[in-house]
C-alpha atoms as a PDB file:
ATOM      1  CA  MET A   1       0.023   0.036  -0.023  1.00  0.00           C
ATOM      2  CA  LYS A   2       1.315   3.446  -0.788  1.00  0.00           C
ATOM      3  CA  ARG A   3       0.853   6.675   1.023  1.00  0.00           C
ATOM      4  CA  ILE A   4       1.177   9.976  -0.627  1.00  0.00           C
ATOM      5  CA  ILE A   5       3.471  12.522   1.091  1.00  0.00           C
ATOM      6  CA  ILE A   6       2.675  16.223   0.620  1.00  0.00           C
ATOM      7  CA  THR A   7       3.756  19.255   2.618  1.00  0.00           C
ATOM      8  CA  PRO A   8       3.280  22.926   2.239  1.00  0.00           C
ATOM      9  CA  ASN A   9       6.899  23.313   3.270  1.00  0.00           C
ATOM     10  CA  ALA A  10       8.042  22.115  -0.206  1.00  0.00           C
ATOM     11  CA  PRO A  11       6.863  23.383  -3.613  1.00  0.00           C
ATOM     12  CA  ALA A  12       3.532  22.230  -4.695  1.00  0.00           C
ATOM     13  CA  PRO A  13       3.664  19.720  -7.603  1.00  0.00           C
ATOM     14  CA  ILE A  14       3.440  21.529 -11.079  1.00  0.00           C
ATOM     15  CA  GLY A  15       2.139  18.541 -12.832  1.00  0.00           C
ATOM     16  CA  PRO A  16       0.425  15.088 -12.393  1.00  0.00           C
ATOM     17  CA  TYR A  17       2.644  13.840  -9.614  1.00  0.00           C
ATOM     18  CA  ASN A  18       3.207  14.056  -5.792  1.00  0.00           C
ATOM     19  CA  GLN A  19       6.181  15.273  -3.850  1.00  0.00           C
ATOM     20  CA  ALA A  20       6.763  11.767  -2.583  1.00  0.00           C
ATOM     21  CA  VAL A  21       5.272   8.251  -2.204  1.00  0.00           C
ATOM     22  CA  LEU A  22       5.793   6.094   0.877  1.00  0.00           C
ATOM     23  CA  VAL A  23       5.649   2.303   0.272  1.00  0.00           C
ATOM     24  CA  GLY A  24       6.183   0.369   3.453  1.00  0.00           C
ATOM     25  CA  THR A  25       9.232   1.845   4.954  1.00  0.00           C
ATOM     26  CA  THR A  26      10.705   3.130   1.570  1.00  0.00           C
ATOM     27  CA  LEU A  27      10.167   6.839   0.558  1.00  0.00           C
ATOM     28  CA  TYR A  28      10.495   7.786  -3.249  1.00  0.00           C
ATOM     29  CA  THR A  29      10.798  11.459  -3.785  1.00  0.00           C
ATOM     30  CA  SER A  30       9.897  13.239  -6.944  1.00  0.00           C
ATOM     31  CA  GLY A  31      12.657  15.551  -8.197  1.00  0.00           C
ATOM     32  CA  GLN A  32      12.990  18.870  -6.636  1.00  0.00           C
ATOM     33  CA  ILE A  33      14.017  22.023  -8.303  1.00  0.00           C
ATOM     34  CA  ALA A  34      14.823  25.415  -6.768  1.00  0.00           C
ATOM     35  CA  LEU A  35      11.216  26.665  -6.268  1.00  0.00           C
ATOM     36  CA  ASN A  36      10.659  28.621  -3.053  1.00  0.00           C
ATOM     37  CA  PRO A  37       7.618  26.953  -1.504  1.00  0.00           C
ATOM     38  CA  ASP A  38       6.247  30.274  -0.186  1.00  0.00           C
ATOM     39  CA  THR A  39       6.330  32.215  -3.403  1.00  0.00           C
ATOM     40  CA  MET A  40       6.605  29.458  -6.112  1.00  0.00           C
ATOM     41  CA  GLU A  41       9.389  31.607  -7.554  1.00  0.00           C
ATOM     42  CA  LEU A  42      12.653  29.947  -8.768  1.00  0.00           C
ATOM     43  CA  VAL A  43      15.830  30.821  -6.733  1.00  0.00           C
ATOM     44  CA  LEU A  44      18.512  31.077  -9.270  1.00  0.00           C
ATOM     45  CA  ASP A  45      20.911  33.575  -7.909  1.00  0.00           C
ATOM     46  CA  ASP A  46      23.881  31.347  -8.394  1.00  0.00           C
ATOM     47  CA  ILE A  47      24.457  27.486  -8.386  1.00  0.00           C
ATOM     48  CA  GLU A  48      25.164  27.290  -4.637  1.00  0.00           C
ATOM     49  CA  THR A  49      21.954  29.183  -3.681  1.00  0.00           C
ATOM     50  CA  GLU A  50      19.990  27.085  -6.195  1.00  0.00           C
ATOM     51  CA  THR A  51      21.396  23.869  -4.893  1.00  0.00           C
ATOM     52  CA  GLN A  52      20.634  25.027  -1.223  1.00  0.00           C
ATOM     53  CA  GLN A  53      17.018  25.650  -2.115  1.00  0.00           C
ATOM     54  CA  VAL A  54      16.697  22.200  -3.666  1.00  0.00           C
ATOM     55  CA  MET A  55      18.179  20.565  -0.556  1.00  0.00           C
ATOM     56  CA  GLU A  56      15.903  22.557   1.765  1.00  0.00           C
ATOM     57  CA  ASN A  57      12.909  21.445  -0.332  1.00  0.00           C
ATOM     58  CA  MET A  58      14.027  17.857  -0.168  1.00  0.00           C
ATOM     59  CA  LYS A  59      14.537  18.418   3.685  1.00  0.00           C
ATOM     60  CA  ALA A  60      10.924  19.338   3.913  1.00  0.00           C
ATOM     61  CA  VAL A  61       9.699  16.410   1.870  1.00  0.00           C
ATOM     62  CA  LEU A  62      11.767  14.079   4.058  1.00  0.00           C
ATOM     63  CA  ALA A  63      10.443  15.696   7.400  1.00  0.00           C
ATOM     64  CA  ALA A  64       6.795  15.221   6.142  1.00  0.00           C
ATOM     65  CA  ALA A  65       7.588  11.447   6.108  1.00  0.00           C
ATOM     66  CA  ASP A  66       9.160  11.675   9.478  1.00  0.00           C
ATOM     67  CA  MET A  67      12.630  11.111   8.014  1.00  0.00           C
ATOM     68  CA  THR A  68      16.001  13.048   7.601  1.00  0.00           C
ATOM     69  CA  PHE A  69      18.890  13.068   5.332  1.00  0.00           C
ATOM     70  CA  GLU A  70      20.213  10.217   7.486  1.00  0.00           C
ATOM     71  CA  ASN A  71      17.384   8.059   6.048  1.00  0.00           C
ATOM     72  CA  VAL A  72      18.415   8.587   2.443  1.00  0.00           C
ATOM     73  CA  VAL A  73      19.976   5.700   0.665  1.00  0.00           C
ATOM     74  CA  LYS A  74      20.249   6.881  -2.834  1.00  0.00           C
ATOM     75  CA  THR A  75      20.225  10.271  -4.633  1.00  0.00           C
ATOM     76  CA  SER A  76      19.988  11.147  -8.297  1.00  0.00           C
ATOM     77  CA  ILE A  77      21.340  14.636  -9.297  1.00  0.00           C
ATOM     78  CA  PHE A  78      20.642  15.924 -12.700  1.00  0.00           C
ATOM     79  CA  ILE A  79      22.737  19.057 -13.731  1.00  0.00           C
ATOM     80  CA  ILE A  80      22.881  21.161 -16.876  1.00  0.00           C
ATOM     81  CA  ASP A  81      26.496  21.852 -16.733  1.00  0.00           C
ATOM     82  CA  MET A  82      29.091  19.452 -15.310  1.00  0.00           C
ATOM     83  CA  ALA A  83      31.385  22.430 -14.806  1.00  0.00           C
ATOM     84  CA  ASP A  84      29.162  23.318 -11.794  1.00  0.00           C
ATOM     85  CA  PHE A  85      29.823  19.867 -10.073  1.00  0.00           C
ATOM     86  CA  ASN A  86      32.244  21.021  -7.480  1.00  0.00           C
ATOM     87  CA  ARG A  87      30.188  23.908  -6.377  1.00  0.00           C
ATOM     88  CA  ILE A  88      27.106  21.848  -6.231  1.00  0.00           C
ATOM     89  CA  ASN A  89      28.973  19.035  -4.389  1.00  0.00           C
ATOM     90  CA  ALA A  90      30.195  21.599  -1.727  1.00  0.00           C
ATOM     91  CA  VAL A  91      26.634  22.525  -0.839  1.00  0.00           C
ATOM     92  CA  TYR A  92      25.245  18.992  -1.102  1.00  0.00           C
ATOM     93  CA  ALA A  93      27.971  17.624   1.315  1.00  0.00           C
ATOM     94  CA  THR A  94      26.854  19.957   4.087  1.00  0.00           C
ATOM     95  CA  TYR A  95      23.518  17.908   4.266  1.00  0.00           C
ATOM     96  CA  PHE A  96      25.267  14.589   4.816  1.00  0.00           C
ATOM     97  CA  ASN A  97      27.613  12.818   7.074  1.00  0.00           C
ATOM     98  CA  GLU A  98      30.265  11.651   4.891  1.00  0.00           C
ATOM     99  CA  ALA A  99      30.652   8.330   6.620  1.00  0.00           C
ATOM    100  CA  THR A 100      27.012   7.478   6.044  1.00  0.00           C
ATOM    101  CA  ALA A 101      26.316   9.362   2.817  1.00  0.00           C
ATOM    102  CA  PRO A 102      24.000   7.684   0.341  1.00  0.00           C
ATOM    103  CA  ALA A 103      24.798   6.191  -3.011  1.00  0.00           C
ATOM    104  CA  ARG A 104      24.651   8.799  -5.695  1.00  0.00           C
ATOM    105  CA  GLU A 105      24.607   9.317  -9.379  1.00  0.00           C
ATOM    106  CA  THR A 106      25.108  12.625 -11.019  1.00  0.00           C
ATOM    107  CA  LEU A 107      24.112  13.200 -14.710  1.00  0.00           C
ATOM    108  CA  GLN A 108      24.451  16.012 -17.097  1.00  0.00           C
ATOM    109  CA  VAL A 109      21.269  16.479 -18.939  1.00  0.00           C
ATOM    110  CA  ALA A 110      20.212  18.797 -21.843  1.00  0.00           C
ATOM    111  CA  CYS A 111      17.249  20.442 -20.146  1.00  0.00           C
ATOM    112  CA  LEU A 112      15.377  20.532 -16.877  1.00  0.00           C
ATOM    113  CA  PRO A 113      11.868  21.797 -15.995  1.00  0.00           C
ATOM    114  CA  LYS A 114      11.565  25.557 -15.951  1.00  0.00           C
ATOM    115  CA  ASN A 115      15.133  25.743 -17.438  1.00  0.00           C
ATOM    116  CA  VAL A 116      16.777  25.327 -13.940  1.00  0.00           C
ATOM    117  CA  ASN A 117      20.328  24.232 -13.521  1.00  0.00           C
ATOM    118  CA  ILE A 118      19.736  21.287 -11.098  1.00  0.00           C
ATOM    119  CA  GLU A 119      17.227  18.746  -9.922  1.00  0.00           C
ATOM    120  CA  ILE A 120      17.631  16.146  -7.203  1.00  0.00           C
ATOM    121  CA  SER A 121      15.519  13.140  -6.272  1.00  0.00           C
ATOM    122  CA  MET A 122      16.012  10.711  -3.412  1.00  0.00           C
ATOM    123  CA  ILE A 123      15.076   7.430  -1.962  1.00  0.00           C
ATOM    124  CA  ALA A 124      15.023   6.998   1.768  1.00  0.00           C
ATOM    125  CA  VAL A 125      14.266   4.118   4.180  1.00  0.00           C
ATOM    126  CA  LYS A 126      13.150   4.145   7.742  1.00  0.00           C
END
């Protein structure tokens, strides 16, 4: 049985999907982009600020499922420009304990929703 996870502390879905779905003890999140959940405006000042907004959105989705970044077992990072990888990684690293960090893949893609520079999705387990 699946349970839909939705919180006003993360951006509302902009299509036919939910912020996350909990199946048993496993949480599957939708990709988050740098939308400010209060204004639904994009936060695109620089790649660090954009990445931080994405991670804060993900933090809110995890919290809605009574989880934290410690529960995350896998992340997928989609970026427009691999040249931004080190700057993205520096922000991303502040959200995880390196010793228990999740598995991860990082892919450069041609285009992302709303022409953002980064999107991140996660799988977490209680």
